[in-house]
Amino acid sequence: MTMHKDPNCECCSLWARHVEGAGFPVSVVADTHMDAFKRSVGVPAGKGSCHTAQVEGYFIEGHVPVEDIQRLLAERPDARGLAAPGMPIGSPGMPGPARPYTVYLIGKDGSSTPYSQHGH
């Protein structure tokens, strides 16, 4: 897995440790042009977060839990990737009490549909 992140963001590194703990080696690319990179891989407006990872042809946007990534790679939907918009408190890499948030599946056409719910 390759993760692009702003060089000054620390929560991204905490998320990388979360997925590494599940057996996904993560190489980090410090990127000061994150908006352009997000557009290039197909992250739709309004679904962005602080970091963007790529794994096996999919993007993983933001603090997506590793179990969602594992499900994505097992099911192999015809999609661009997964997105956890914003920086949800309590998500992997974001300390604090768990709050409800949704991970979205981003279709090839840029559409988004709920994929999983967390923090409920």
PDB file of N, CA and C in Angstrom:
ATOM      1  N   MET A   1       0.852  -1.169   0.000  1.00  0.00           N
ATOM      2  CA  MET A   1       0.000   0.000   0.000  1.00  0.00           C
ATOM      3  C   MET A   1       0.897   1.230   0.000  1.00  0.00           C
ATOM      4  N   THR A   2       0.516   2.206  -0.785  1.00  0.00           N
ATOM      5  CA  THR A   2       1.232   3.481  -0.821  1.00  0.00           C
ATOM      6  C   THR A   2       0.294   4.563  -0.314  1.00  0.00           C
ATOM      7  N   MET A   3       0.762   5.364   0.628  1.00  0.00           N
ATOM      8  CA  MET A   3      -0.056   6.432   1.189  1.00  0.00           C
ATOM      9  C   MET A   3       0.582   7.777   0.869  1.00  0.00           C
ATOM     10  N   HIS A   4      -0.199   8.662   0.260  1.00  0.00           N
ATOM     11  CA  HIS A   4       0.223  10.044   0.035  1.00  0.00           C
ATOM     12  C   HIS A   4      -0.352  10.882   1.166  1.00  0.00           C
ATOM     13  N   LYS A   5       0.498  11.711   1.762  1.00  0.00           N
ATOM     14  CA  LYS A   5       0.063  12.549   2.876  1.00  0.00           C
ATOM     15  C   LYS A   5       0.817  13.861   2.878  1.00  0.00           C
ATOM     16  N   ASP A   6       0.195  14.854   3.474  1.00  0.00           N
ATOM     17  CA  ASP A   6       0.880  16.116   3.701  1.00  0.00           C
ATOM     18  C   ASP A   6       2.021  15.850   4.682  1.00  0.00           C
ATOM     19  N   PRO A   7       3.217  16.397   4.418  1.00  0.00           N
ATOM     20  CA  PRO A   7       4.348  16.115   5.302  1.00  0.00           C
ATOM     21  C   PRO A   7       4.129  16.545   6.750  1.00  0.00           C
ATOM     22  N   ASN A   8       3.184  17.443   7.012  1.00  0.00           N
ATOM     23  CA  ASN A   8       2.976  17.957   8.364  1.00  0.00           C
ATOM     24  C   ASN A   8       1.853  17.273   9.135  1.00  0.00           C
ATOM     25  N   CYS A   9       1.215  16.272   8.567  1.00  0.00           N
ATOM     26  CA  CYS A   9       0.060  15.642   9.212  1.00  0.00           C
ATOM     27  C   CYS A   9       0.492  14.380   9.953  1.00  0.00           C
ATOM     28  N   GLU A  10       0.206  14.313  11.242  1.00  0.00           N
ATOM     29  CA  GLU A  10       0.609  13.158  12.055  1.00  0.00           C
ATOM     30  C   GLU A  10      -0.464  12.077  12.136  1.00  0.00           C
ATOM     31  N   CYS A  11      -1.752  12.449  12.062  1.00  0.00           N
ATOM     32  CA  CYS A  11      -2.790  11.424  12.189  1.00  0.00           C
ATOM     33  C   CYS A  11      -2.687  10.408  11.049  1.00  0.00           C
ATOM     34  N   CYS A  12      -2.161  10.825   9.915  1.00  0.00           N
ATOM     35  CA  CYS A  12      -1.975   9.916   8.782  1.00  0.00           C
ATOM     36  C   CYS A  12      -1.005   8.802   9.152  1.00  0.00           C
ATOM     37  N   SER A  13       0.056   9.150   9.869  1.00  0.00           N
ATOM     38  CA  SER A  13       1.036   8.150  10.296  1.00  0.00           C
ATOM     39  C   SER A  13       0.419   7.171  11.287  1.00  0.00           C
ATOM     40  N   LEU A  14      -0.468   7.659  12.159  1.00  0.00           N
ATOM     41  CA  LEU A  14      -1.164   6.772  13.098  1.00  0.00           C
ATOM     42  C   LEU A  14      -2.061   5.798  12.342  1.00  0.00           C
ATOM     43  N   TRP A  15      -2.742   6.280  11.288  1.00  0.00           N
ATOM     44  CA  TRP A  15      -3.581   5.387  10.479  1.00  0.00           C
ATOM     45  C   TRP A  15      -2.712   4.349   9.780  1.00  0.00           C
ATOM     46  N   ALA A  16      -1.553   4.747   9.274  1.00  0.00           N
ATOM     47  CA  ALA A  16      -0.652   3.807   8.611  1.00  0.00           C
ATOM     48  C   ALA A  16      -0.259   2.688   9.569  1.00  0.00           C
ATOM     49  N   ARG A  17      -0.004   3.020  10.830  1.00  0.00           N
ATOM     50  CA  ARG A  17       0.327   1.985  11.821  1.00  0.00           C
ATOM     51  C   ARG A  17      -0.843   1.028  12.015  1.00  0.00           C
ATOM     52  N   HIS A  18      -2.075   1.554  11.967  1.00  0.00           N
ATOM     53  CA  HIS A  18      -3.280   0.728  12.101  1.00  0.00           C
ATOM     54  C   HIS A  18      -3.332  -0.331  10.998  1.00  0.00           C
ATOM     55  N   VAL A  19      -3.112   0.060   9.751  1.00  0.00           N
ATOM     56  CA  VAL A  19      -3.187  -0.921   8.660  1.00  0.00           C
ATOM     57  C   VAL A  19      -1.951  -1.816   8.615  1.00  0.00           C
ATOM     58  N   GLU A  20      -0.800  -1.279   9.014  1.00  0.00           N
ATOM     59  CA  GLU A  20       0.399  -2.123   9.083  1.00  0.00           C
ATOM     60  C   GLU A  20       0.217  -3.235  10.113  1.00  0.00           C
ATOM     61  N   GLY A  21      -0.494  -2.930  11.203  1.00  0.00           N
ATOM     62  CA  GLY A  21      -0.764  -3.921  12.231  1.00  0.00           C
ATOM     63  C   GLY A  21      -1.592  -5.085  11.721  1.00  0.00           C
ATOM     64  N   ALA A  22      -2.297  -4.884  10.619  1.00  0.00           N
ATOM     65  CA  ALA A  22      -3.108  -5.949  10.009  1.00  0.00           C
ATOM     66  C   ALA A  22      -2.375  -6.606   8.839  1.00  0.00           C
ATOM     67  N   GLY A  23      -1.104  -6.251   8.653  1.00  0.00           N
ATOM     68  CA  GLY A  23      -0.315  -6.922   7.631  1.00  0.00           C
ATOM     69  C   GLY A  23      -0.193  -6.201   6.305  1.00  0.00           C
ATOM     70  N   PHE A  24      -0.615  -4.948   6.228  1.00  0.00           N
ATOM     71  CA  PHE A  24      -0.453  -4.167   5.002  1.00  0.00           C
ATOM     72  C   PHE A  24       0.787  -3.292   5.136  1.00  0.00           C
ATOM     73  N   PRO A  25       1.893  -3.626   4.473  1.00  0.00           N
ATOM     74  CA  PRO A  25       3.037  -2.723   4.511  1.00  0.00           C
ATOM     75  C   PRO A  25       2.659  -1.399   3.839  1.00  0.00           C
ATOM     76  N   VAL A  26       3.071  -0.292   4.435  1.00  0.00           N
ATOM     77  CA  VAL A  26       2.719   1.025   3.917  1.00  0.00           C
ATOM     78  C   VAL A  26       3.986   1.801   3.579  1.00  0.00           C
ATOM     79  N   SER A  27       4.079   2.240   2.319  1.00  0.00           N
ATOM     80  CA  SER A  27       5.139   3.183   1.972  1.00  0.00           C
ATOM     81  C   SER A  27       4.501   4.566   1.911  1.00  0.00           C
ATOM     82  N   VAL A  28       5.200   5.534   2.473  1.00  0.00           N
ATOM     83  CA  VAL A  28       4.654   6.886   2.620  1.00  0.00           C
ATOM     84  C   VAL A  28       5.305   7.822   1.618  1.00  0.00           C
ATOM     85  N   VAL A  29       4.471   8.609   0.935  1.00  0.00           N
ATOM     86  CA  VAL A  29       4.937   9.636   0.019  1.00  0.00           C
ATOM     87  C   VAL A  29       4.507  10.981   0.594  1.00  0.00           C
ATOM     88  N   ALA A  30       5.475  11.815   0.956  1.00  0.00           N
ATOM     89  CA  ALA A  30       5.160  13.171   1.411  1.00  0.00           C
ATOM     90  C   ALA A  30       4.794  13.984   0.179  1.00  0.00           C
ATOM     91  N   ASP A  31       3.605  14.567   0.195  1.00  0.00           N
ATOM     92  CA  ASP A  31       3.065  15.223  -0.998  1.00  0.00           C
ATOM     93  C   ASP A  31       2.468  16.570  -0.614  1.00  0.00           C
ATOM     94  N   THR A  32       3.027  17.639  -1.136  1.00  0.00           N
ATOM     95  CA  THR A  32       2.502  18.971  -0.829  1.00  0.00           C
ATOM     96  C   THR A  32       1.406  19.387  -1.808  1.00  0.00           C
ATOM     97  N   HIS A  33       1.058  18.513  -2.749  1.00  0.00           N
ATOM     98  CA  HIS A  33      -0.002  18.801  -3.729  1.00  0.00           C
ATOM     99  C   HIS A  33      -1.110  17.756  -3.619  1.00  0.00           C
ATOM    100  N   MET A  34      -1.628  17.582  -2.405  1.00  0.00           N
ATOM    101  CA  MET A  34      -2.604  16.526  -2.162  1.00  0.00           C
ATOM    102  C   MET A  34      -3.892  16.695  -2.969  1.00  0.00           C
ATOM    103  N   ASP A  35      -4.374  17.913  -3.136  1.00  0.00           N
ATOM    104  CA  ASP A  35      -5.626  18.108  -3.889  1.00  0.00           C
ATOM    105  C   ASP A  35      -5.494  17.589  -5.313  1.00  0.00           C
ATOM    106  N   ALA A  36      -4.390  17.890  -5.962  1.00  0.00           N
ATOM    107  CA  ALA A  36      -4.172  17.422  -7.332  1.00  0.00           C
ATOM    108  C   ALA A  36      -4.071  15.901  -7.363  1.00  0.00           C
ATOM    109  N   PHE A  37      -3.390  15.310  -6.377  1.00  0.00           N
ATOM    110  CA  PHE A  37      -3.274  13.854  -6.337  1.00  0.00           C
ATOM    111  C   PHE A  37      -4.650  13.219  -6.138  1.00  0.00           C
ATOM    112  N   LYS A  38      -5.449  13.753  -5.225  1.00  0.00           N
ATOM    113  CA  LYS A  38      -6.792  13.216  -4.979  1.00  0.00           C
ATOM    114  C   LYS A  38      -7.630  13.244  -6.258  1.00  0.00           C
ATOM    115  N   ARG A  39      -7.587  14.357  -6.974  1.00  0.00           N
ATOM    116  CA  ARG A  39      -8.339  14.450  -8.240  1.00  0.00           C
ATOM    117  C   ARG A  39      -7.840  13.406  -9.243  1.00  0.00           C
ATOM    118  N   SER A  40      -6.528  13.186  -9.282  1.00  0.00           N
ATOM    119  CA  SER A  40      -5.960  12.275 -10.276  1.00  0.00           C
ATOM    120  C   SER A  40      -6.388  10.826 -10.055  1.00  0.00           C
ATOM    121  N   VAL A  41      -6.667  10.444  -8.811  1.00  0.00           N
ATOM    122  CA  VAL A  41      -7.105   9.067  -8.548  1.00  0.00           C
ATOM    123  C   VAL A  41      -8.611   8.933  -8.471  1.00  0.00           C
ATOM    124  N   GLY A  42      -9.332  10.061  -8.517  1.00  0.00           N
ATOM    125  CA  GLY A  42     -10.787  10.005  -8.587  1.00  0.00           C
ATOM    126  C   GLY A  42     -11.541  10.223  -7.301  1.00  0.00           C
ATOM    127  N   VAL A  43     -10.912  10.823  -6.284  1.00  0.00           N
ATOM    128  CA  VAL A  43     -11.639  11.136  -5.058  1.00  0.00           C
ATOM    129  C   VAL A  43     -12.611  12.270  -5.381  1.00  0.00           C
ATOM    130  N   PRO A  44     -13.929  12.052  -5.211  1.00  0.00           N
ATOM    131  CA  PRO A  44     -14.895  13.103  -5.566  1.00  0.00           C
ATOM    132  C   PRO A  44     -14.899  14.259  -4.561  1.00  0.00           C
ATOM    133  N   ALA A  45     -15.318  15.403  -5.019  1.00  0.00           N
ATOM    134  CA  ALA A  45     -15.447  16.578  -4.155  1.00  0.00           C
ATOM    135  C   ALA A  45     -16.361  16.237  -2.988  1.00  0.00           C
ATOM    136  N   GLY A  46     -16.001  16.697  -1.810  1.00  0.00           N
ATOM    137  CA  GLY A  46     -16.817  16.465  -0.630  1.00  0.00           C
ATOM    138  C   GLY A  46     -16.546  15.141   0.063  1.00  0.00           C
ATOM    139  N   LYS A  47     -15.711  14.308  -0.508  1.00  0.00           N
ATOM    140  CA  LYS A  47     -15.417  13.003   0.115  1.00  0.00           C
ATOM    141  C   LYS A  47     -13.965  12.901   0.554  1.00  0.00           C
ATOM    142  N   GLY A  48     -13.239  14.001   0.515  1.00  0.00           N
ATOM    143  CA  GLY A  48     -11.828  13.987   0.836  1.00  0.00           C
ATOM    144  C   GLY A  48     -11.545  13.947   2.324  1.00  0.00           C
ATOM    145  N   SER A  49     -10.311  13.575   2.629  1.00  0.00           N
ATOM    146  CA  SER A  49      -9.795  13.562   3.991  1.00  0.00           C
ATOM    147  C   SER A  49      -8.350  14.031   3.919  1.00  0.00           C
ATOM    148  N   CYS A  50      -7.537  13.655   4.893  1.00  0.00           N
ATOM    149  CA  CYS A  50      -6.178  14.180   4.934  1.00  0.00           C
ATOM    150  C   CYS A  50      -5.172  13.354   4.147  1.00  0.00           C
ATOM    151  N   HIS A  51      -5.394  12.063   3.980  1.00  0.00           N
ATOM    152  CA  HIS A  51      -4.430  11.247   3.239  1.00  0.00           C
ATOM    153  C   HIS A  51      -5.156  10.339   2.257  1.00  0.00           C
ATOM    154  N   THR A  52      -4.422   9.895   1.249  1.00  0.00           N
ATOM    155  CA  THR A  52      -4.969   9.024   0.215  1.00  0.00           C
ATOM    156  C   THR A  52      -4.000   7.876   0.002  1.00  0.00           C
ATOM    157  N   ALA A  53      -4.489   6.659   0.209  1.00  0.00           N
ATOM    158  CA  ALA A  53      -3.666   5.471  -0.009  1.00  0.00           C
ATOM    159  C   ALA A  53      -4.139   4.769  -1.274  1.00  0.00           C
ATOM    160  N   GLN A  54      -3.277   3.951  -1.834  1.00  0.00           N
ATOM    161  CA  GLN A  54      -3.628   3.134  -2.987  1.00  0.00           C
ATOM    162  C   GLN A  54      -3.227   1.699  -2.692  1.00  0.00           C
ATOM    163  N   VAL A  55      -4.148   0.776  -2.997  1.00  0.00           N
ATOM    164  CA  VAL A  55      -3.870  -0.640  -2.799  1.00  0.00           C
ATOM    165  C   VAL A  55      -4.620  -1.448  -3.855  1.00  0.00           C
ATOM    166  N   GLU A  56      -3.892  -2.249  -4.589  1.00  0.00           N
ATOM    167  CA  GLU A  56      -4.453  -3.178  -5.570  1.00  0.00           C
ATOM    168  C   GLU A  56      -5.483  -2.520  -6.501  1.00  0.00           C
ATOM    169  N   GLY A  57      -5.159  -1.315  -6.982  1.00  0.00           N
ATOM    170  CA  GLY A  57      -6.012  -0.640  -7.951  1.00  0.00           C
ATOM    171  C   GLY A  57      -7.128   0.208  -7.366  1.00  0.00           C
ATOM    172  N   TYR A  58      -7.233   0.269  -6.052  1.00  0.00           N
ATOM    173  CA  TYR A  58      -8.265   1.078  -5.387  1.00  0.00           C
ATOM    174  C   TYR A  58      -7.596   2.217  -4.615  1.00  0.00           C
ATOM    175  N   PHE A  59      -8.355   3.314  -4.390  1.00  0.00           N
ATOM    176  CA  PHE A  59      -7.887   4.318  -3.443  1.00  0.00           C
ATOM    177  C   PHE A  59      -8.602   4.101  -2.121  1.00  0.00           C
ATOM    178  N   ILE A  60      -7.913   4.466  -1.045  1.00  0.00           N
ATOM    179  CA  ILE A  60      -8.466   4.439   0.309  1.00  0.00           C
ATOM    180  C   ILE A  60      -8.283   5.852   0.833  1.00  0.00           C
ATOM    181  N   GLU A  61      -9.379   6.581   0.937  1.00  0.00           N
ATOM    182  CA  GLU A  61      -9.332   7.997   1.309  1.00  0.00           C
ATOM    183  C   GLU A  61      -9.653   8.171   2.780  1.00  0.00           C
ATOM    184  N   GLY A  62      -8.661   8.637   3.536  1.00  0.00           N
ATOM    185  CA  GLY A  62      -8.897   8.968   4.926  1.00  0.00           C
ATOM    186  C   GLY A  62      -8.807   7.784   5.873  1.00  0.00           C
ATOM    187  N   HIS A  63      -9.465   7.937   7.009  1.00  0.00           N
ATOM    188  CA  HIS A  63      -9.327   7.020   8.138  1.00  0.00           C
ATOM    189  C   HIS A  63     -10.261   5.809   8.037  1.00  0.00           C
ATOM    190  N   VAL A  64     -10.149   5.089   6.944  1.00  0.00           N
ATOM    191  CA  VAL A  64     -10.960   3.894   6.706  1.00  0.00           C
ATOM    192  C   VAL A  64     -10.406   2.750   7.569  1.00  0.00           C
ATOM    193  N   PRO A  65     -11.271   2.069   8.344  1.00  0.00           N
ATOM    194  CA  PRO A  65     -10.794   0.943   9.150  1.00  0.00           C
ATOM    195  C   PRO A  65     -10.296  -0.208   8.274  1.00  0.00           C
ATOM    196  N   VAL A  66      -9.311  -0.927   8.785  1.00  0.00           N
ATOM    197  CA  VAL A  66      -8.684  -2.000   8.009  1.00  0.00           C
ATOM    198  C   VAL A  66      -9.688  -3.086   7.622  1.00  0.00           C
ATOM    199  N   GLU A  67     -10.705  -3.328   8.448  1.00  0.00           N
ATOM    200  CA  GLU A  67     -11.673  -4.371   8.085  1.00  0.00           C
ATOM    201  C   GLU A  67     -12.448  -4.004   6.814  1.00  0.00           C
ATOM    202  N   ASP A  68     -12.661  -2.721   6.576  1.00  0.00           N
ATOM    203  CA  ASP A  68     -13.315  -2.296   5.333  1.00  0.00           C
ATOM    204  C   ASP A  68     -12.400  -2.514   4.142  1.00  0.00           C
ATOM    205  N   ILE A  69     -11.105  -2.274   4.324  1.00  0.00           N
ATOM    206  CA  ILE A  69     -10.138  -2.499   3.248  1.00  0.00           C
ATOM    207  C   ILE A  69     -10.071  -3.988   2.917  1.00  0.00           C
ATOM    208  N   GLN A  70     -10.039  -4.820   3.947  1.00  0.00           N
ATOM    209  CA  GLN A  70     -10.000  -6.267   3.732  1.00  0.00           C
ATOM    210  C   GLN A  70     -11.250  -6.740   2.988  1.00  0.00           C
ATOM    211  N   ARG A  71     -12.416  -6.210   3.358  1.00  0.00           N
ATOM    212  CA  ARG A  71     -13.664  -6.567   2.680  1.00  0.00           C
ATOM    213  C   ARG A  71     -13.626  -6.124   1.219  1.00  0.00           C
ATOM    214  N   LEU A  72     -13.143  -4.900   0.971  1.00  0.00           N
ATOM    215  CA  LEU A  72     -13.031  -4.381  -0.393  1.00  0.00           C
ATOM    216  C   LEU A  72     -12.183  -5.307  -1.255  1.00  0.00           C
ATOM    217  N   LEU A  73     -11.037  -5.724  -0.729  1.00  0.00           N
ATOM    218  CA  LEU A  73     -10.126  -6.563  -1.506  1.00  0.00           C
ATOM    219  C   LEU A  73     -10.668  -7.984  -1.677  1.00  0.00           C
ATOM    220  N   ALA A  74     -11.502  -8.438  -0.755  1.00  0.00           N
ATOM    221  CA  ALA A  74     -12.111  -9.767  -0.885  1.00  0.00           C
ATOM    222  C   ALA A  74     -13.247  -9.743  -1.905  1.00  0.00           C
ATOM    223  N   GLU A  75     -14.057  -8.664  -1.890  1.00  0.00           N
ATOM    224  CA  GLU A  75     -15.238  -8.581  -2.764  1.00  0.00           C
ATOM    225  C   GLU A  75     -14.906  -8.059  -4.156  1.00  0.00           C
ATOM    226  N   ARG A  76     -13.875  -7.232  -4.282  1.00  0.00           N
ATOM    227  CA  ARG A  76     -13.450  -6.665  -5.571  1.00  0.00           C
ATOM    228  C   ARG A  76     -14.585  -6.004  -6.363  1.00  0.00           C
ATOM    229  N   PRO A  77     -15.291  -5.043  -5.778  1.00  0.00           N
ATOM    230  CA  PRO A  77     -16.348  -4.363  -6.541  1.00  0.00           C
ATOM    231  C   PRO A  77     -15.753  -3.527  -7.674  1.00  0.00           C
ATOM    232  N   ASP A  78     -16.568  -3.260  -8.676  1.00  0.00           N
ATOM    233  CA  ASP A  78     -16.151  -2.410  -9.790  1.00  0.00           C
ATOM    234  C   ASP A  78     -16.287  -0.963  -9.327  1.00  0.00           C
ATOM    235  N   ALA A  79     -15.245  -0.455  -8.683  1.00  0.00           N
ATOM    236  CA  ALA A  79     -15.302   0.859  -8.045  1.00  0.00           C
ATOM    237  C   ALA A  79     -13.916   1.473  -8.034  1.00  0.00           C
ATOM    238  N   ARG A  80     -13.888   2.755  -7.673  1.00  0.00           N
ATOM    239  CA  ARG A  80     -12.598   3.461  -7.543  1.00  0.00           C
ATOM    240  C   ARG A  80     -11.959   3.234  -6.192  1.00  0.00           C
ATOM    241  N   GLY A  81     -12.790   3.161  -5.134  1.00  0.00           N
ATOM    242  CA  GLY A  81     -12.218   2.975  -3.807  1.00  0.00           C
ATOM    243  C   GLY A  81     -13.180   3.283  -2.694  1.00  0.00           C
ATOM    244  N   LEU A  82     -12.616   3.482  -1.502  1.00  0.00           N
ATOM    245  CA  LEU A  82     -13.377   3.777  -0.297  1.00  0.00           C
ATOM    246  C   LEU A  82     -12.974   5.140   0.243  1.00  0.00           C
ATOM    247  N   ALA A  83     -13.931   5.825   0.864  1.00  0.00           N
ATOM    248  CA  ALA A  83     -13.654   7.136   1.454  1.00  0.00           C
ATOM    249  C   ALA A  83     -14.343   7.281   2.800  1.00  0.00           C
ATOM    250  N   ALA A  84     -13.582   7.769   3.775  1.00  0.00           N
ATOM    251  CA  ALA A  84     -14.113   8.193   5.065  1.00  0.00           C
ATOM    252  C   ALA A  84     -13.905   9.706   5.102  1.00  0.00           C
ATOM    253  N   PRO A  85     -14.916  10.472   4.644  1.00  0.00           N
ATOM    254  CA  PRO A  85     -14.747  11.923   4.526  1.00  0.00           C
ATOM    255  C   PRO A  85     -14.401  12.600   5.847  1.00  0.00           C
ATOM    256  N   GLY A  86     -13.638  13.672   5.737  1.00  0.00           N
ATOM    257  CA  GLY A  86     -13.251  14.430   6.918  1.00  0.00           C
ATOM    258  C   GLY A  86     -12.239  13.663   7.738  1.00  0.00           C
ATOM    259  N   MET A  87     -12.242  13.914   9.008  1.00  0.00           N
ATOM    260  CA  MET A  87     -11.320  13.247   9.930  1.00  0.00           C
ATOM    261  C   MET A  87     -12.117  12.848  11.161  1.00  0.00           C
ATOM    262  N   PRO A  88     -12.936  11.764  11.054  1.00  0.00           N
ATOM    263  CA  PRO A  88     -13.857  11.410  12.145  1.00  0.00           C
ATOM    264  C   PRO A  88     -13.138  11.059  13.453  1.00  0.00           C
ATOM    265  N   ILE A  89     -13.517  11.733  14.524  1.00  0.00           N
ATOM    266  CA  ILE A  89     -12.965  11.442  15.849  1.00  0.00           C
ATOM    267  C   ILE A  89     -13.295   9.995  16.207  1.00  0.00           C
ATOM    268  N   GLY A  90     -12.297   9.281  16.713  1.00  0.00           N
ATOM    269  CA  GLY A  90     -12.503   7.896  17.112  1.00  0.00           C
ATOM    270  C   GLY A  90     -12.262   6.886  16.010  1.00  0.00           C
ATOM    271  N   SER A  91     -11.997   7.347  14.792  1.00  0.00           N
ATOM    272  CA  SER A  91     -11.665   6.433  13.701  1.00  0.00           C
ATOM    273  C   SER A  91     -10.188   6.059  13.822  1.00  0.00           C
ATOM    274  N   PRO A  92      -9.729   5.010  13.134  1.00  0.00           N
ATOM    275  CA  PRO A  92      -8.317   4.622  13.247  1.00  0.00           C
ATOM    276  C   PRO A  92      -7.383   5.790  12.911  1.00  0.00           C
ATOM    277  N   GLY A  93      -6.525   6.133  13.870  1.00  0.00           N
ATOM    278  CA  GLY A  93      -5.595   7.237  13.684  1.00  0.00           C
ATOM    279  C   GLY A  93      -6.086   8.558  14.229  1.00  0.00           C
ATOM    280  N   MET A  94      -7.373   8.625  14.601  1.00  0.00           N
ATOM    281  CA  MET A  94      -7.943   9.858  15.157  1.00  0.00           C
ATOM    282  C   MET A  94      -8.362   9.601  16.598  1.00  0.00           C
ATOM    283  N   PRO A  95      -7.542   9.999  17.556  1.00  0.00           N
ATOM    284  CA  PRO A  95      -7.854   9.737  18.963  1.00  0.00           C
ATOM    285  C   PRO A  95      -9.153  10.409  19.398  1.00  0.00           C
ATOM    286  N   GLY A  96      -9.747   9.827  20.410  1.00  0.00           N
ATOM    287  CA  GLY A  96     -10.954  10.405  20.982  1.00  0.00           C
ATOM    288  C   GLY A  96     -12.069   9.384  21.047  1.00  0.00           C
ATOM    289  N   PRO A  97     -13.160   9.756  21.715  1.00  0.00           N
ATOM    290  CA  PRO A  97     -14.289   8.831  21.829  1.00  0.00           C
ATOM    291  C   PRO A  97     -14.916   8.596  20.455  1.00  0.00           C
ATOM    292  N   ALA A  98     -15.281   7.359  20.200  1.00  0.00           N
ATOM    293  CA  ALA A  98     -15.869   7.011  18.896  1.00  0.00           C
ATOM    294  C   ALA A  98     -17.145   7.805  18.660  1.00  0.00           C
ATOM    295  N   ARG A  99     -17.231   8.361  17.471  1.00  0.00           N
ATOM    296  CA  ARG A  99     -18.449   9.047  17.025  1.00  0.00           C
ATOM    297  C   ARG A  99     -18.895   8.368  15.746  1.00  0.00           C
ATOM    298  N   PRO A 100     -20.190   8.368  15.467  1.00  0.00           N
ATOM    299  CA  PRO A 100     -20.663   7.698  14.256  1.00  0.00           C
ATOM    300  C   PRO A 100     -20.091   8.335  12.988  1.00  0.00           C
ATOM    301  N   TYR A 101     -19.670   7.469  12.063  1.00  0.00           N
ATOM    302  CA  TYR A 101     -19.258   7.937  10.743  1.00  0.00           C
ATOM    303  C   TYR A 101     -19.494   6.833   9.727  1.00  0.00           C
ATOM    304  N   THR A 102     -19.533   7.252   8.469  1.00  0.00           N
ATOM    305  CA  THR A 102     -19.810   6.342   7.355  1.00  0.00           C
ATOM    306  C   THR A 102     -18.611   6.264   6.442  1.00  0.00           C
ATOM    307  N   VAL A 103     -18.308   5.054   5.982  1.00  0.00           N
ATOM    308  CA  VAL A 103     -17.328   4.847   4.922  1.00  0.00           C
ATOM    309  C   VAL A 103     -18.132   4.635   3.649  1.00  0.00           C
ATOM    310  N   TYR A 104     -17.738   5.315   2.565  1.00  0.00           N
ATOM    311  CA  TYR A 104     -18.450   5.246   1.289  1.00  0.00           C
ATOM    312  C   TYR A 104     -17.660   4.469   0.249  1.00  0.00           C
ATOM    313  N   LEU A 105     -18.387   3.734  -0.582  1.00  0.00           N
ATOM    314  CA  LEU A 105     -17.814   3.107  -1.769  1.00  0.00           C
ATOM    315  C   LEU A 105     -17.970   4.101  -2.903  1.00  0.00           C
ATOM    316  N   ILE A 106     -16.877   4.433  -3.564  1.00  0.00           N
ATOM    317  CA  ILE A 106     -16.900   5.407  -4.656  1.00  0.00           C
ATOM    318  C   ILE A 106     -16.876   4.641  -5.970  1.00  0.00           C
ATOM    319  N   GLY A 107     -17.956   4.808  -6.738  1.00  0.00           N
ATOM    320  CA  GLY A 107     -18.092   4.104  -8.007  1.00  0.00           C
ATOM    321  C   GLY A 107     -17.202   4.678  -9.092  1.00  0.00           C
ATOM    322  N   LYS A 108     -17.081   3.935 -10.178  1.00  0.00           N
ATOM    323  CA  LYS A 108     -16.271   4.388 -11.325  1.00  0.00           C
ATOM    324  C   LYS A 108     -16.773   5.717 -11.866  1.00  0.00           C
ATOM    325  N   ASP A 109     -18.078   5.974 -11.719  1.00  0.00           N
ATOM    326  CA  ASP A 109     -18.668   7.230 -12.219  1.00  0.00           C
ATOM    327  C   ASP A 109     -18.572   8.365 -11.195  1.00  0.00           C
ATOM    328  N   GLY A 110     -17.925   8.105 -10.056  1.00  0.00           N
ATOM    329  CA  GLY A 110     -17.790   9.133  -9.028  1.00  0.00           C
ATOM    330  C   GLY A 110     -18.915   9.146  -8.020  1.00  0.00           C
ATOM    331  N   SER A 111     -19.920   8.284  -8.207  1.00  0.00           N
ATOM    332  CA  SER A 111     -21.023   8.220  -7.253  1.00  0.00           C
ATOM    333  C   SER A 111     -20.546   7.603  -5.947  1.00  0.00           C
ATOM    334  N   SER A 112     -21.262   7.877  -4.872  1.00  0.00           N
ATOM    335  CA  SER A 112     -20.892   7.297  -3.587  1.00  0.00           C
ATOM    336  C   SER A 112     -22.107   6.639  -2.952  1.00  0.00           C
ATOM    337  N   THR A 113     -21.883   5.466  -2.385  1.00  0.00           N
ATOM    338  CA  THR A 113     -22.931   4.757  -1.658  1.00  0.00           C
ATOM    339  C   THR A 113     -22.350   4.307  -0.321  1.00  0.00           C
ATOM    340  N   PRO A 114     -23.165   4.322   0.742  1.00  0.00           N
ATOM    341  CA  PRO A 114     -22.655   3.871   2.041  1.00  0.00           C
ATOM    342  C   PRO A 114     -22.139   2.432   1.938  1.00  0.00           C
ATOM    343  N   TYR A 115     -20.980   2.203   2.524  1.00  0.00           N
ATOM    344  CA  TYR A 115     -20.326   0.887   2.493  1.00  0.00           C
ATOM    345  C   TYR A 115     -20.338   0.254   3.888  1.00  0.00           C
ATOM    346  N   SER A 116     -20.083   1.078   4.906  1.00  0.00           N
ATOM    347  CA  SER A 116     -20.109   0.591   6.287  1.00  0.00           C
ATOM    348  C   SER A 116     -20.351   1.751   7.235  1.00  0.00           C
ATOM    349  N   GLN A 117     -20.855   1.398   8.419  1.00  0.00           N
ATOM    350  CA  GLN A 117     -21.102   2.376   9.487  1.00  0.00           C
ATOM    351  C   GLN A 117     -20.213   2.028  10.656  1.00  0.00           C
ATOM    352  N   HIS A 118     -19.677   3.043  11.322  1.00  0.00           N
ATOM    353  CA  HIS A 118     -18.810   2.813  12.481  1.00  0.00           C
ATOM    354  C   HIS A 118     -19.197   3.751  13.601  1.00  0.00           C
ATOM    355  N   GLY A 119     -18.856   3.346  14.830  1.00  0.00           N
ATOM    356  CA  GLY A 119     -19.044   4.201  16.001  1.00  0.00           C
ATOM    357  C   GLY A 119     -20.472   4.290  16.484  1.00  0.00           C
ATOM    358  N   HIS A 120     -21.306   3.348  16.068  1.00  0.00           N
ATOM    359  CA  HIS A 120     -22.723   3.394  16.519  1.00  0.00           C
ATOM    360  C   HIS A 120     -22.919   2.592  17.773  1.00  0.00           C
TER     361      HIS A 120
END
